[in-house]
């Protein structure tokens, strides 16, 4: 298991950083507006992101794919 930090911003991406190695692991790309919220659901493989247009995406941490858009 890794220790990770999620960040989001005006670049329309969610960035995932390994806090031990202090390096970016991956960027989740797919929003068409600034990402204003991101949440990793504890004890799951789920990452939720929401943008300023109200689009919410569900991502699978195991393969970094978007599995649902609302």
Protein backbone atom coordinates (compact mmCIF):
# COMPACT_ATOMS: atom_id res chain seq x y z
CA UNK A 1 0.00 0.00 0.00
CA UNK A 2 1.22 3.49 -0.79
CA UNK A 3 0.61 6.75 0.90
CA UNK A 4 -0.92 9.09 -1.67
CA UNK A 5 -2.05 12.68 -1.88
CA UNK A 6 -4.73 13.86 -4.31
CA UNK A 7 -4.74 17.37 -5.72
CA UNK A 8 -6.92 19.19 -8.21
CA UNK A 9 -7.14 22.59 -9.79
CA UNK A 10 -7.70 24.81 -12.75
CA UNK A 11 -5.76 22.53 -15.13
CA UNK A 12 -8.81 20.16 -15.29
CA UNK A 13 -6.78 17.25 -13.84
CA UNK A 14 -6.62 15.24 -10.64
CA UNK A 15 -2.98 14.58 -9.73
CA UNK A 16 -1.95 11.70 -7.49
CA UNK A 17 1.34 11.94 -5.61
CA UNK A 18 3.28 9.30 -3.69
CA UNK A 19 4.01 11.03 -0.40
CA UNK A 20 6.95 8.76 0.45
CA UNK A 21 8.78 9.14 -2.86
CA UNK A 22 7.58 12.74 -3.26
CA UNK A 23 6.70 12.20 -6.90
CA UNK A 24 3.61 12.32 -9.09
CA UNK A 25 2.20 8.85 -9.77
CA UNK A 26 -0.49 9.71 -12.28
CA UNK A 27 -2.88 12.37 -13.57
CA UNK A 28 -6.56 11.66 -14.10
CA UNK A 29 -7.56 13.51 -17.26
CA UNK A 30 -11.09 13.93 -18.52
CA UNK A 31 -12.74 16.98 -17.01
CA UNK A 32 -13.53 19.96 -19.26
CA UNK A 33 -13.53 22.49 -16.43
CA UNK A 34 -11.49 23.19 -13.29
CA UNK A 35 -11.71 20.34 -10.77
CA UNK A 36 -13.00 21.81 -7.52
CA UNK A 37 -13.25 18.70 -5.36
CA UNK A 38 -11.62 15.30 -5.13
CA UNK A 39 -12.19 12.47 -2.65
CA UNK A 40 -10.59 9.07 -2.21
CA UNK A 41 -13.12 6.74 -0.57
CA UNK A 42 -11.36 5.02 2.31
CA UNK A 43 -10.90 1.23 2.05
CA UNK A 44 -12.03 1.18 -1.61
CA UNK A 45 -10.52 1.70 -5.04
CA UNK A 46 -12.83 4.65 -5.70
CA UNK A 47 -11.79 8.23 -6.39
CA UNK A 48 -14.49 10.85 -6.99
CA UNK A 49 -13.83 14.17 -8.69
CA UNK A 50 -16.15 17.10 -9.37
CA UNK A 51 -15.64 20.07 -11.64
CA UNK A 52 -16.99 23.61 -11.72
CA UNK A 53 -19.65 22.63 -14.31
CA UNK A 54 -21.16 20.13 -11.85
CA UNK A 55 -19.80 17.01 -13.56
CA UNK A 56 -18.87 14.24 -11.12
CA UNK A 57 -16.62 11.38 -12.20
CA UNK A 58 -15.88 8.09 -10.48
CA UNK A 59 -12.41 6.67 -11.12
CA UNK A 60 -11.01 3.19 -10.41
CA UNK A 61 -7.65 3.47 -8.64
CA UNK A 62 -6.54 0.03 -9.88
CA UNK A 63 -6.29 1.10 -13.50
CA UNK A 64 -6.95 4.86 -13.34
CA UNK A 65 -10.01 4.59 -15.58
CA UNK A 66 -13.17 6.64 -15.39
CA UNK A 67 -15.98 4.18 -14.65
CA UNK A 68 -18.94 6.54 -14.24
CA UNK A 69 -19.90 10.12 -15.09
CA UNK A 70 -22.83 12.00 -13.54
